[in-house]
Amino acid sequence: MATNPTEPQQEVSLRELYPELSEQELKEAEMNLARYFEIALEIRGERQASAGAVDIADAAPIIIEERSNCSQTI
């Protein structure tokens, strides 16, 4: 879906995207989305900090660590 960068972007709420969600599900979805953005920013910061510092061609395999917040209960 192409958008024109000069046009103002319309904000869309999670409620508009998922009207069938209960209030509890909506709250959980908002928390999950916020956590997703936090993780994405962490990854971006880590990548920027290490940009050009390491030649990964000869590096050891990358181990992906769990970043989700497992302490949340439903």
C-alpha atoms as a PDB file:
ATOM      1  CA  MET A   1       0.000   0.000   0.000  1.00  0.00           C
ATOM      2  CA  ALA A   2       1.749   3.133  -1.220  1.00  0.00           C
ATOM      3  CA  THR A   3       1.141   6.398   0.540  1.00  0.00           C
ATOM      4  CA  ASN A   4       1.984   9.914  -0.473  1.00  0.00           C
ATOM      5  CA  PRO A   5       4.589  11.252   2.006  1.00  0.00           C
ATOM      6  CA  THR A   6       3.270  14.800   1.593  1.00  0.00           C
ATOM      7  CA  GLU A   7      -0.262  13.875   2.719  1.00  0.00           C
ATOM      8  CA  PRO A   8      -1.027  14.016   6.439  1.00  0.00           C
ATOM      9  CA  GLN A   9      -1.305  10.561   7.994  1.00  0.00           C
ATOM     10  CA  GLN A  10      -4.636   9.607   9.528  1.00  0.00           C
ATOM     11  CA  GLU A  11      -4.361   8.091  13.004  1.00  0.00           C
ATOM     12  CA  VAL A  12      -6.065   4.763  13.488  1.00  0.00           C
ATOM     13  CA  SER A  13      -6.782   3.366  16.935  1.00  0.00           C
ATOM     14  CA  LEU A  14      -6.602  -0.292  17.918  1.00  0.00           C
ATOM     15  CA  ARG A  15     -10.309  -0.051  18.706  1.00  0.00           C
ATOM     16  CA  GLU A  16     -10.973   0.923  15.076  1.00  0.00           C
ATOM     17  CA  LEU A  17      -8.780  -1.905  13.790  1.00  0.00           C
ATOM     18  CA  TYR A  18     -10.210  -4.531  16.145  1.00  0.00           C
ATOM     19  CA  PRO A  19     -13.733  -3.499  17.188  1.00  0.00           C
ATOM     20  CA  GLU A  20     -14.511  -7.050  18.350  1.00  0.00           C
ATOM     21  CA  LEU A  21     -11.983  -6.930  21.229  1.00  0.00           C
ATOM     22  CA  SER A  22     -13.213  -6.665  24.787  1.00  0.00           C
ATOM     23  CA  GLU A  23     -11.858  -3.867  26.980  1.00  0.00           C
ATOM     24  CA  GLN A  24      -9.446  -6.330  28.641  1.00  0.00           C
ATOM     25  CA  GLU A  25      -8.233  -7.639  25.262  1.00  0.00           C
ATOM     26  CA  LEU A  26      -7.819  -4.086  23.988  1.00  0.00           C
ATOM     27  CA  LYS A  27      -5.758  -3.137  27.044  1.00  0.00           C
ATOM     28  CA  GLU A  28      -3.583  -6.237  26.572  1.00  0.00           C
ATOM     29  CA  ALA A  29      -3.136  -5.460  22.867  1.00  0.00           C
ATOM     30  CA  GLU A  30      -2.060  -1.890  23.688  1.00  0.00           C
ATOM     31  CA  MET A  31       0.465  -3.170  26.247  1.00  0.00           C
ATOM     32  CA  ASN A  32       1.817  -5.717  23.763  1.00  0.00           C
ATOM     33  CA  LEU A  33       2.143  -3.096  21.041  1.00  0.00           C
ATOM     34  CA  ALA A  34       3.970  -0.725  23.392  1.00  0.00           C
ATOM     35  CA  ARG A  35       6.353  -3.547  24.399  1.00  0.00           C
ATOM     36  CA  TYR A  36       6.923  -4.392  20.724  1.00  0.00           C
ATOM     37  CA  PHE A  37       7.968  -0.802  20.034  1.00  0.00           C
ATOM     38  CA  GLU A  38      10.279  -0.817  23.070  1.00  0.00           C
ATOM     39  CA  ILE A  39      11.985  -3.966  21.799  1.00  0.00           C
ATOM     40  CA  ALA A  40      12.267  -2.576  18.268  1.00  0.00           C
ATOM     41  CA  LEU A  41      13.921   0.579  19.629  1.00  0.00           C
ATOM     42  CA  GLU A  42      16.307  -1.517  21.755  1.00  0.00           C
ATOM     43  CA  ILE A  43      17.328  -3.530  18.710  1.00  0.00           C
ATOM     44  CA  ARG A  44      17.776  -0.373  16.628  1.00  0.00           C
ATOM     45  CA  GLY A  45      19.937   1.197  19.343  1.00  0.00           C
ATOM     46  CA  GLU A  46      22.060  -1.937  19.659  1.00  0.00           C
ATOM     47  CA  ARG A  47      22.542  -2.120  15.901  1.00  0.00           C
ATOM     48  CA  GLN A  48      23.477   1.563  15.666  1.00  0.00           C
ATOM     49  CA  ALA A  49      25.915   1.229  18.557  1.00  0.00           C
ATOM     50  CA  SER A  50      27.671  -1.686  16.937  1.00  0.00           C
ATOM     51  CA  ALA A  51      27.446  -0.509  13.309  1.00  0.00           C
ATOM     52  CA  GLY A  52      30.774  -1.034  11.650  1.00  0.00           C
ATOM     53  CA  ALA A  53      32.402  -2.156  14.892  1.00  0.00           C
ATOM     54  CA  VAL A  54      32.240  -5.900  14.210  1.00  0.00           C
ATOM     55  CA  ASP A  55      32.800  -7.894  11.060  1.00  0.00           C
ATOM     56  CA  ILE A  56      30.127 -10.555  11.404  1.00  0.00           C
ATOM     57  CA  ALA A  57      31.490 -12.712   8.581  1.00  0.00           C
ATOM     58  CA  ASP A  58      33.787 -14.545  11.003  1.00  0.00           C
ATOM     59  CA  ALA A  59      31.687 -14.066  14.137  1.00  0.00           C
ATOM     60  CA  ALA A  60      30.129 -16.817  16.198  1.00  0.00           C
ATOM     61  CA  PRO A  61      26.467 -17.636  15.575  1.00  0.00           C
ATOM     62  CA  ILE A  62      24.026 -15.120  16.982  1.00  0.00           C
ATOM     63  CA  ILE A  63      21.936 -16.347  19.903  1.00  0.00           C
ATOM     64  CA  ILE A  64      18.563 -14.659  20.137  1.00  0.00           C
ATOM     65  CA  GLU A  65      17.552 -13.853  23.694  1.00  0.00           C
ATOM     66  CA  GLU A  66      13.974 -13.767  24.907  1.00  0.00           C
ATOM     67  CA  ARG A  67      12.893 -10.128  25.193  1.00  0.00           C
ATOM     68  CA  SER A  68       9.231 -10.527  25.972  1.00  0.00           C
ATOM     69  CA  ASN A  69       7.837  -9.632  29.335  1.00  0.00           C
ATOM     70  CA  CYS A  70       6.713 -13.047  30.562  1.00  0.00           C
ATOM     71  CA  SER A  71       5.693 -11.763  33.979  1.00  0.00           C
ATOM     72  CA  GLN A  72       2.404 -10.407  32.610  1.00  0.00           C
ATOM     73  CA  THR A  73      -0.612 -12.545  33.314  1.00  0.00           C
ATOM     74  CA  ILE A  74      -3.853 -12.662  31.422  1.00  0.00           C
END
